[in-house]
C-alpha atoms as a PDB file:
ATOM      1  CA  MET A   1       0.000   0.000   0.000  1.00  0.00           C
ATOM      2  CA  GLN A   2       1.332   3.406  -0.979  1.00  0.00           C
ATOM      3  CA  THR A   3       1.189   6.276   1.482  1.00  0.00           C
ATOM      4  CA  TRP A   4       0.172   9.845   0.750  1.00  0.00           C
ATOM      5  CA  SER A   5       2.437  12.783   1.500  1.00  0.00           C
ATOM      6  CA  THR A   6       1.970  15.976  -0.484  1.00  0.00           C
ATOM      7  CA  GLU A   7      -1.482  14.801  -1.615  1.00  0.00           C
ATOM      8  CA  ARG A   8      -4.288  15.350   0.851  1.00  0.00           C
ATOM      9  CA  GLY A   9      -6.120  12.278  -0.396  1.00  0.00           C
ATOM     10  CA  THR A  10      -7.272  10.314  -3.437  1.00  0.00           C
ATOM     11  CA  LEU A  11     -10.091  11.337  -5.748  1.00  0.00           C
ATOM     12  CA  LEU A  12     -11.638   8.296  -7.442  1.00  0.00           C
ATOM     13  CA  VAL A  13     -13.896   9.233 -10.374  1.00  0.00           C
ATOM     14  CA  PHE A  14     -16.302   6.445 -11.363  1.00  0.00           C
ATOM     15  CA  THR A  15     -17.480   6.785 -14.976  1.00  0.00           C
ATOM     16  CA  VAL A  16     -18.191   4.885 -18.182  1.00  0.00           C
ATOM     17  CA  GLY A  17     -16.642   7.589 -20.373  1.00  0.00           C
ATOM     18  CA  ALA A  18     -18.167  10.386 -22.423  1.00  0.00           C
ATOM     19  CA  ARG A  19     -19.255   8.210 -25.370  1.00  0.00           C
ATOM     20  CA  GLN A  20     -21.058   5.649 -23.228  1.00  0.00           C
ATOM     21  CA  GLU A  21     -22.548   8.352 -20.990  1.00  0.00           C
ATOM     22  CA  ALA A  22     -24.041  10.022 -24.072  1.00  0.00           C
ATOM     23  CA  LEU A  23     -25.587   6.735 -25.217  1.00  0.00           C
ATOM     24  CA  ARG A  24     -26.875   5.851 -21.754  1.00  0.00           C
ATOM     25  CA  ARG A  25     -28.497   9.137 -20.723  1.00  0.00           C
ATOM     26  CA  ARG A  26     -29.646  10.875 -23.919  1.00  0.00           C
ATOM     27  CA  LEU A  27     -29.739  14.420 -22.549  1.00  0.00           C
ATOM     28  CA  LEU A  28     -29.930  15.592 -26.175  1.00  0.00           C
ATOM     29  CA  PRO A  29     -31.414  14.015 -29.330  1.00  0.00           C
ATOM     30  CA  PRO A  30     -29.209  11.520 -31.227  1.00  0.00           C
ATOM     31  CA  HIS A  31     -28.346  14.023 -33.981  1.00  0.00           C
ATOM     32  CA  LEU A  32     -26.721  16.218 -31.288  1.00  0.00           C
ATOM     33  CA  SER A  33     -24.660  13.397 -29.806  1.00  0.00           C
ATOM     34  CA  ASN A  34     -21.390  15.240 -30.504  1.00  0.00           C
ATOM     35  CA  PHE A  35     -22.488  18.054 -28.183  1.00  0.00           C
ATOM     36  CA  GLU A  36     -23.560  15.559 -25.536  1.00  0.00           C
ATOM     37  CA  ARG A  37     -20.185  13.808 -25.670  1.00  0.00           C
ATOM     38  CA  ALA A  38     -18.492  17.204 -25.319  1.00  0.00           C
ATOM     39  CA  LEU A  39     -20.686  17.931 -22.290  1.00  0.00           C
ATOM     40  CA  HIS A  40     -19.734  14.682 -20.529  1.00  0.00           C
ATOM     41  CA  SER A  41     -16.062  15.147 -21.422  1.00  0.00           C
ATOM     42  CA  GLN A  42     -16.073  18.614 -19.894  1.00  0.00           C
ATOM     43  CA  CYS A  43     -17.868  17.351 -16.778  1.00  0.00           C
ATOM     44  CA  LEU A  44     -15.076  14.818 -16.282  1.00  0.00           C
ATOM     45  CA  GLU A  45     -12.395  17.456 -16.869  1.00  0.00           C
ATOM     46  CA  SER A  46     -14.109  19.821 -14.420  1.00  0.00           C
ATOM     47  CA  THR A  47     -14.209  17.075 -11.782  1.00  0.00           C
ATOM     48  CA  LEU A  48     -10.523  16.279 -12.259  1.00  0.00           C
ATOM     49  CA  ALA A  49      -9.662  19.989 -12.099  1.00  0.00           C
ATOM     50  CA  ALA A  50     -11.456  20.216  -8.740  1.00  0.00           C
ATOM     51  CA  GLY A  51      -9.344  17.300  -7.541  1.00  0.00           C
ATOM     52  CA  ARG A  52      -6.107  18.950  -8.659  1.00  0.00           C
ATOM     53  CA  THR A  53      -7.031  22.184  -6.897  1.00  0.00           C
ATOM     54  CA  SER A  54      -7.755  20.187  -3.737  1.00  0.00           C
ATOM     55  CA  ARG A  55      -4.319  18.486  -3.999  1.00  0.00           C
ATOM     56  CA  CYS A  56      -5.819  15.055  -4.535  1.00  0.00           C
ATOM     57  CA  ARG A  57      -4.263  12.087  -6.264  1.00  0.00           C
ATOM     58  CA  LEU A  58      -6.408  11.373  -9.334  1.00  0.00           C
ATOM     59  CA  LEU A  59      -7.854   7.984 -10.291  1.00  0.00           C
ATOM     60  CA  VAL A  60     -10.474   7.253 -12.956  1.00  0.00           C
ATOM     61  CA  ALA A  61     -12.339   3.931 -12.885  1.00  0.00           C
ATOM     62  CA  SER A  62     -13.935   3.105 -16.254  1.00  0.00           C
ATOM     63  CA  PRO A  63     -14.714  -0.016 -18.318  1.00  0.00           C
ATOM     64  CA  ASP A  64     -12.308   1.054 -21.075  1.00  0.00           C
ATOM     65  CA  CYS A  65      -9.048   2.947 -20.814  1.00  0.00           C
ATOM     66  CA  LEU A  66      -9.776   6.623 -21.492  1.00  0.00           C
ATOM     67  CA  THR A  67      -7.537   9.369 -22.819  1.00  0.00           C
ATOM     68  CA  LEU A  68      -6.653  11.162 -19.595  1.00  0.00           C
ATOM     69  CA  GLY A  69      -4.365  14.012 -18.685  1.00  0.00           C
ATOM     70  CA  LYS A  70      -1.017  13.865 -16.941  1.00  0.00           C
ATOM     71  CA  GLN A  71      -0.851  12.256 -13.514  1.00  0.00           C
ATOM     72  CA  VAL A  72      -4.321  10.719 -13.888  1.00  0.00           C
ATOM     73  CA  HIS A  73      -4.261   6.954 -13.341  1.00  0.00           C
ATOM     74  CA  HIS A  74      -6.766   4.471 -14.722  1.00  0.00           C
ATOM     75  CA  LEU A  75      -8.526   1.606 -12.935  1.00  0.00           C
ATOM     76  CA  ALA A  76     -10.425  -1.010 -14.918  1.00  0.00           C
ATOM     77  CA  GLN A  77     -13.953  -1.580 -13.667  1.00  0.00           C
ATOM     78  CA  GLN A  78     -14.706  -5.170 -12.659  1.00  0.00           C
ATOM     79  CA  GLY A  79     -18.027  -6.895 -12.066  1.00  0.00           C
ATOM     80  CA  THR A  80     -21.382  -7.273 -13.769  1.00  0.00           C
ATOM     81  CA  THR A  81     -23.700  -5.037 -11.713  1.00  0.00           C
ATOM     82  CA  PHE A  82     -23.249  -1.376 -10.842  1.00  0.00           C
ATOM     83  CA  GLY A  83     -22.796  -2.205  -7.157  1.00  0.00           C
ATOM     84  CA  GLU A  84     -20.105  -4.779  -7.909  1.00  0.00           C
ATOM     85  CA  ARG A  85     -18.158  -2.420 -10.158  1.00  0.00           C
ATOM     86  CA  LEU A  86     -18.346   0.366  -7.572  1.00  0.00           C
ATOM     87  CA  ARG A  87     -17.247  -1.937  -4.742  1.00  0.00           C
ATOM     88  CA  HIS A  88     -14.304  -3.313  -6.754  1.00  0.00           C
ATOM     89  CA  ALA A  89     -13.153   0.195  -7.751  1.00  0.00           C
ATOM     90  CA  TYR A  90     -13.298   1.359  -4.115  1.00  0.00           C
ATOM     91  CA  ALA A  91     -11.409  -1.731  -2.905  1.00  0.00           C
ATOM     92  CA  ASP A  92      -8.795  -1.423  -5.671  1.00  0.00           C
ATOM     93  CA  ALA A  93      -8.130   2.225  -4.785  1.00  0.00           C
ATOM     94  CA  ARG A  94      -7.893   1.265  -1.093  1.00  0.00           C
ATOM     95  CA  ARG A  95      -5.284  -1.392  -1.855  1.00  0.00           C
ATOM     96  CA  ARG A  96      -3.197   1.095  -3.813  1.00  0.00           C
ATOM     97  CA  TYR A  97      -3.308   4.114  -1.534  1.00  0.00           C
ATOM     98  CA  ASP A  98      -3.720   4.969   2.109  1.00  0.00           C
ATOM     99  CA  GLY A  99      -5.434   8.025   3.540  1.00  0.00           C
ATOM    100  CA  PRO A 100      -8.700   9.764   2.599  1.00  0.00           C
ATOM    101  CA  LEU A 101     -10.566   8.371  -0.407  1.00  0.00           C
ATOM    102  CA  LEU A 102     -13.203  10.479  -2.178  1.00  0.00           C
ATOM    103  CA  LEU A 103     -15.465   8.550  -4.566  1.00  0.00           C
ATOM    104  CA  VAL A 104     -17.436  10.688  -7.044  1.00  0.00           C
ATOM    105  CA  GLY A 105     -19.179  10.384 -10.404  1.00  0.00           C
ATOM    106  CA  SER A 106     -18.540  12.450 -13.507  1.00  0.00           C
ATOM    107  CA  ASP A 107     -22.038  13.902 -14.007  1.00  0.00           C
ATOM    108  CA  THR A 108     -22.183  16.633 -11.343  1.00  0.00           C
ATOM    109  CA  PRO A 109     -21.008  19.869 -13.000  1.00  0.00           C
ATOM    110  CA  ASP A 110     -21.586  21.886  -9.803  1.00  0.00           C
ATOM    111  CA  LEU A 111     -18.977  19.845  -7.916  1.00  0.00           C
ATOM    112  CA  THR A 112     -16.088  22.115  -6.943  1.00  0.00           C
ATOM    113  CA  SER A 113     -12.885  21.954  -4.956  1.00  0.00           C
ATOM    114  CA  ASP A 114     -14.814  23.522  -2.063  1.00  0.00           C
ATOM    115  CA  HIS A 115     -16.897  20.346  -1.718  1.00  0.00           C
ATOM    116  CA  LEU A 116     -13.797  18.149  -1.867  1.00  0.00           C
ATOM    117  CA  ARG A 117     -11.937  20.279   0.666  1.00  0.00           C
ATOM    118  CA  ALA A 118     -14.923  20.160   3.020  1.00  0.00           C
ATOM    119  CA  ALA A 119     -14.943  16.359   2.813  1.00  0.00           C
ATOM    120  CA  LEU A 120     -11.194  16.161   3.409  1.00  0.00           C
ATOM    121  CA  LEU A 121     -11.392  18.476   6.415  1.00  0.00           C
ATOM    122  CA  SER A 122     -14.221  16.420   7.899  1.00  0.00           C
ATOM    123  CA  LEU A 123     -12.199  13.211   7.547  1.00  0.00           C
ATOM    124  CA  GLU A 124      -9.135  14.849   9.094  1.00  0.00           C
ATOM    125  CA  GLN A 125     -11.259  15.721  12.124  1.00  0.00           C
ATOM    126  CA  ASN A 126     -12.733  12.227  12.468  1.00  0.00           C
ATOM    127  CA  GLY A 127     -11.221   9.295  10.602  1.00  0.00           C
ATOM    128  CA  SER A 128     -14.190   6.975  11.222  1.00  0.00           C
ATOM    129  CA  ARG A 129     -16.636   9.442   9.679  1.00  0.00           C
ATOM    130  CA  VAL A 130     -18.306   8.875   6.312  1.00  0.00           C
ATOM    131  CA  VAL A 131     -18.962  12.032   4.284  1.00  0.00           C
ATOM    132  CA  LEU A 132     -21.780  11.906   1.738  1.00  0.00           C
ATOM    133  CA  GLY A 133     -22.956  14.361  -0.892  1.00  0.00           C
ATOM    134  CA  PRO A 134     -26.688  13.761  -1.466  1.00  0.00           C
ATOM    135  CA  SER A 135     -28.490  14.153  -4.793  1.00  0.00           C
ATOM    136  CA  PRO A 136     -32.184  15.108  -5.065  1.00  0.00           C
ATOM    137  CA  ASP A 137     -32.975  11.886  -6.958  1.00  0.00           C
ATOM    138  CA  GLY A 138     -32.217   9.755  -3.897  1.00  0.00           C
ATOM    139  CA  GLY A 139     -28.605   8.948  -4.773  1.00  0.00           C
ATOM    140  CA  PHE A 140     -25.305  10.584  -3.882  1.00  0.00           C
ATOM    141  CA  TYR A 141     -22.580  12.385  -5.811  1.00  0.00           C
ATOM    142  CA  LEU A 142     -19.769  11.876  -3.271  1.00  0.00           C
ATOM    143  CA  LEU A 143     -18.738   9.223  -0.748  1.00  0.00           C
ATOM    144  CA  ALA A 144     -15.599   9.943   1.285  1.00  0.00           C
ATOM    145  CA  THR A 145     -13.903   7.791   3.921  1.00  0.00           C
ATOM    146  CA  MET A 146     -10.646   7.588   5.821  1.00  0.00           C
ATOM    147  CA  ASP A 147     -11.267   4.195   7.437  1.00  0.00           C
ATOM    148  CA  PRO A 148     -12.365   1.557   4.878  1.00  0.00           C
ATOM    149  CA  LEU A 149     -16.031   0.627   4.691  1.00  0.00           C
ATOM    150  CA  PRO A 150     -16.976  -2.858   5.930  1.00  0.00           C
ATOM    151  CA  GLU A 151     -17.509  -5.281   3.051  1.00  0.00           C
ATOM    152  CA  GLU A 152     -21.114  -6.078   4.063  1.00  0.00           C
ATOM    153  CA  ILE A 153     -22.266  -2.471   3.657  1.00  0.00           C
ATOM    154  CA  TRP A 154     -21.993  -2.630  -0.126  1.00  0.00           C
ATOM    155  CA  SER A 155     -24.467  -5.506  -0.361  1.00  0.00           C
ATOM    156  CA  GLN A 156     -27.058  -3.696   1.796  1.00  0.00           C
ATOM    157  CA  VAL A 157     -27.456  -0.746  -0.595  1.00  0.00           C
ATOM    158  CA  GLN A 158     -30.160  -0.620  -3.271  1.00  0.00           C
ATOM    159  CA  TRP A 159     -28.004   0.760  -6.063  1.00  0.00           C
ATOM    160  CA  ARG A 160     -29.348   2.975  -8.861  1.00  0.00           C
ATOM    161  CA  SER A 161     -32.704   3.571  -7.184  1.00  0.00           C
ATOM    162  CA  ARG A 162     -34.447   6.307  -5.230  1.00  0.00           C
ATOM    163  CA  ARG A 163     -33.486   4.409  -2.073  1.00  0.00           C
ATOM    164  CA  THR A 164     -29.739   4.335  -2.741  1.00  0.00           C
ATOM    165  CA  LEU A 165     -28.856   7.046  -0.227  1.00  0.00           C
ATOM    166  CA  SER A 166     -31.423   5.995   2.394  1.00  0.00           C
ATOM    167  CA  THR A 167     -30.308   2.345   2.377  1.00  0.00           C
ATOM    168  CA  LEU A 168     -26.651   3.413   2.536  1.00  0.00           C
ATOM    169  CA  LEU A 169     -27.380   5.687   5.503  1.00  0.00           C
ATOM    170  CA  GLN A 170     -29.207   2.873   7.266  1.00  0.00           C
ATOM    171  CA  ALA A 171     -26.314   0.451   6.704  1.00  0.00           C
ATOM    172  CA  LEU A 172     -23.771   2.997   7.960  1.00  0.00           C
ATOM    173  CA  ARG A 173     -25.792   3.747  11.102  1.00  0.00           C
ATOM    174  CA  GLU A 174     -26.155   0.016  11.845  1.00  0.00           C
ATOM    175  CA  ALA A 175     -22.363  -0.267  11.476  1.00  0.00           C
ATOM    176  CA  GLY A 176     -21.893   2.583  13.969  1.00  0.00           C
ATOM    177  CA  ARG A 177     -20.214   4.935  11.502  1.00  0.00           C
ATOM    178  CA  PRO A 178     -20.653   8.698  12.054  1.00  0.00           C
ATOM    179  CA  ILE A 179     -22.033  10.520   9.006  1.00  0.00           C
ATOM    180  CA  GLU A 180     -21.742  14.053   7.660  1.00  0.00           C
ATOM    181  CA  LEU A 181     -23.790  15.346   4.741  1.00  0.00           C
ATOM    182  CA  LEU A 182     -22.515  17.943   2.285  1.00  0.00           C
ATOM    183  CA  PRO A 183     -24.836  20.355   0.424  1.00  0.00           C
ATOM    184  CA  MET A 184     -27.140  18.699  -2.073  1.00  0.00           C
ATOM    185  CA  LEU A 185     -26.102  18.862  -5.742  1.00  0.00           C
ATOM    186  CA  THR A 186     -27.961  17.752  -8.857  1.00  0.00           C
ATOM    187  CA  ASP A 187     -26.386  15.329 -11.303  1.00  0.00           C
ATOM    188  CA  LEU A 188     -27.272  15.307 -14.996  1.00  0.00           C
ATOM    189  CA  ASP A 189     -29.595  12.341 -15.424  1.00  0.00           C
ATOM    190  CA  HIS A 190     -32.343  13.962 -17.511  1.00  0.00           C
ATOM    191  CA  ARG A 191     -32.697  16.832 -19.962  1.00  0.00           C
ATOM    192  CA  SER A 192     -34.594  18.803 -17.322  1.00  0.00           C
ATOM    193  CA  ASP A 193     -31.497  18.556 -15.081  1.00  0.00           C
ATOM    194  CA  LEU A 194     -29.367  20.029 -17.870  1.00  0.00           C
ATOM    195  CA  GLN A 195     -31.892  22.819 -18.465  1.00  0.00           C
ATOM    196  CA  SER A 196     -32.018  23.708 -14.771  1.00  0.00           C
ATOM    197  CA  TRP A 197     -28.236  23.724 -14.477  1.00  0.00           C
ATOM    198  CA  LEU A 198     -27.735  25.952 -17.517  1.00  0.00           C
ATOM    199  CA  ALA A 199     -30.436  28.332 -16.277  1.00  0.00           C
ATOM    200  CA  GLY A 200     -28.752  28.616 -12.881  1.00  0.00           C
ATOM    201  CA  ILE A 201     -25.183  29.299 -14.009  1.00  0.00           C
ATOM    202  CA  GLY A 202     -24.118  32.638 -12.632  1.00  0.00           C
ATOM    203  CA  GLY A 203     -26.655  32.467  -9.819  1.00  0.00           C
ATOM    204  CA  PRO A 204     -26.499  30.912  -6.373  1.00  0.00           C
ATOM    205  CA  GLY A 205     -25.176  27.375  -6.193  1.00  0.00           C
ATOM    206  CA  SER A 206     -27.683  24.573  -6.057  1.00  0.00           C
ATOM    207  CA  GLY A 207     -26.201  23.373  -2.787  1.00  0.00           C
ATOM    208  CA  GLY A 208     -26.780  26.161  -0.272  1.00  0.00           C
ATOM    209  CA  ASN A 209     -23.745  28.455  -0.295  1.00  0.00           C
ATOM    210  CA  ALA A 210     -21.706  26.187  -2.577  1.00  0.00           C
ATOM    211  CA  LEU A 211     -19.936  28.050  -5.345  1.00  0.00           C
ATOM    212  CA  ARG A 212     -20.466  27.367  -9.027  1.00  0.00           C
ATOM    213  CA  PRO A 213     -17.513  25.792 -10.833  1.00  0.00           C
ATOM    214  CA  PRO A 214     -15.314  28.074 -12.948  1.00  0.00           C
ATOM    215  CA  MET A 215     -17.112  28.496 -16.247  1.00  0.00           C
ATOM    216  CA  GLN A 216     -14.140  29.754 -18.261  1.00  0.00           C
ATOM    217  CA  ALA A 217     -13.065  26.207 -19.105  1.00  0.00           C
ATOM    218  CA  TRP A 218     -16.476  25.454 -20.628  1.00  0.00           C
ATOM    219  CA  GLY A 219     -16.012  28.193 -23.243  1.00  0.00           C
ATOM    220  CA  LEU A 220     -18.363  28.152 -26.228  1.00  0.00           C
ATOM    221  CA  LEU A 221     -19.879  24.821 -25.207  1.00  0.00           C
ATOM    222  CA  LEU A 222     -22.216  26.576 -22.766  1.00  0.00           C
ATOM    223  CA  ILE A 223     -23.393  28.993 -25.453  1.00  0.00           C
ATOM    224  CA  HIS A 224     -24.077  26.132 -27.887  1.00  0.00           C
ATOM    225  CA  LEU A 225     -25.918  24.090 -25.269  1.00  0.00           C
ATOM    226  CA  ARG A 226     -28.155  27.011 -24.327  1.00  0.00           C
ATOM    227  CA  ARG A 227     -29.029  27.661 -27.968  1.00  0.00           C
ATOM    228  CA  LEU A 228     -29.706  23.995 -28.673  1.00  0.00           C
ATOM    229  CA  LEU A 229     -31.982  23.557 -25.677  1.00  0.00           C
ATOM    230  CA  LYS A 230     -33.838  26.758 -26.502  1.00  0.00           C
ATOM    231  CA  ALA A 231     -34.457  25.471 -30.024  1.00  0.00           C
ATOM    232  CA  LEU A 232     -35.625  22.100 -28.707  1.00  0.00           C
ATOM    233  CA  CYS A 233     -38.086  23.763 -26.338  1.00  0.00           C
ATOM    234  CA  ARG A 234     -39.536  26.026 -29.029  1.00  0.00           C
ATOM    235  CA  VAL A 235     -43.053  24.965 -30.020  1.00  0.00           C
ATOM    236  CA  ALA A 236     -43.418  24.338 -33.747  1.00  0.00           C
ATOM    237  CA  ILE A 237     -46.298  26.492 -35.091  1.00  0.00           C
ATOM    238  CA  PRO A 238     -47.508  25.954 -38.669  1.00  0.00           C
ATOM    239  CA  PRO A 239     -47.072  29.124 -40.770  1.00  0.00           C
ATOM    240  CA  GLN A 240     -50.711  29.056 -41.853  1.00  0.00           C
ATOM    241  CA  LEU A 241     -53.423  27.767 -39.608  1.00  0.00           C
ATOM    242  CA  GLY A 242     -56.261  28.970 -41.826  1.00  0.00           C
ATOM    243  CA  SER A 243     -59.369  30.866 -40.781  1.00  0.00           C
ATOM    244  CA  PRO A 244     -61.803  29.481 -38.203  1.00  0.00           C
ATOM    245  CA  LEU A 245     -64.910  27.889 -39.640  1.00  0.00           C
ATOM    246  CA  ALA A 246     -68.391  28.994 -38.579  1.00  0.00           C
ATOM    247  CA  MET A 247     -70.356  26.111 -37.087  1.00  0.00           C
ATOM    248  CA  PRO A 248     -74.060  26.250 -36.267  1.00  0.00           C
ATOM    249  CA  ILE A 249     -75.020  25.731 -32.640  1.00  0.00           C
ATOM    250  CA  PHE A 250     -78.436  24.288 -31.941  1.00  0.00           C
ATOM    251  CA  CYS A 251     -80.164  24.919 -28.617  1.00  0.00           C
ATOM    252  CA  TRP A 252     -83.256  23.250 -27.261  1.00  0.00           C
ATOM    253  CA  SER A 253     -85.173  24.812 -24.393  1.00  0.00           C
ATOM    254  CA  GLY A 254     -85.257  22.848 -21.213  1.00  0.00           C
ATOM    255  CA  ARG A 255     -82.151  20.757 -22.038  1.00  0.00           C
ATOM    256  CA  ALA A 256     -79.125  20.817 -19.786  1.00  0.00           C
ATOM    257  CA  PRO A 257     -75.580  20.854 -21.223  1.00  0.00           C
ATOM    258  CA  PRO A 258     -74.210  17.376 -21.891  1.00  0.00           C
ATOM    259  CA  SER A 259     -72.241  15.985 -18.943  1.00  0.00           C
END
């Protein structure tokens, strides 16, 4: 097991890669798949940038080896179900490195170094604590630990459901692990999530006082995404509807309107 010195901890990003994310989620229509792949690629880059700023060692767990930047290491996902792949990635990272481990996805564009630093500080104060970042859909965007999680906890969680976070919290409480919750952040699972996120950029963070991520790195992609979503939401109105037709209305005395 390697120890950590200058790094404050390890950031483990669990993802299937931009191409597979675009096929799995369909935030945009198929003919705009290139923009959706660019969106997921930038989400991953933004997450890794937050890890660098927080002085974290960077690991990416994915089914296929991705093109990653310097000092970003790859872990191959193992297992058939989502829970198995997540458990194996967590255990693999634990075998490689000691110290705090922060497990996140790659679909939370509001995740910043402030959230990672808050998790690291909480673990430094109490090594047995488990820090979780809840999502409004019943899941979580971050799981951080100093002391490894017991093996049986992973099998008690209902993964990829609205009860993911609640069953994880129950398992952690039964195991006697203290818990701290970070501000809630939305991940991009549906087109409505993308619309809400784009509409809120520049305003208050979706997680209380959490700050929005730096938008400079997103460049023209944000402008294109806003325009595309605006066009998709525009109601198609035929250029000529024609004139209304006069229709006779017959009334009979003593008859009530039809129910």
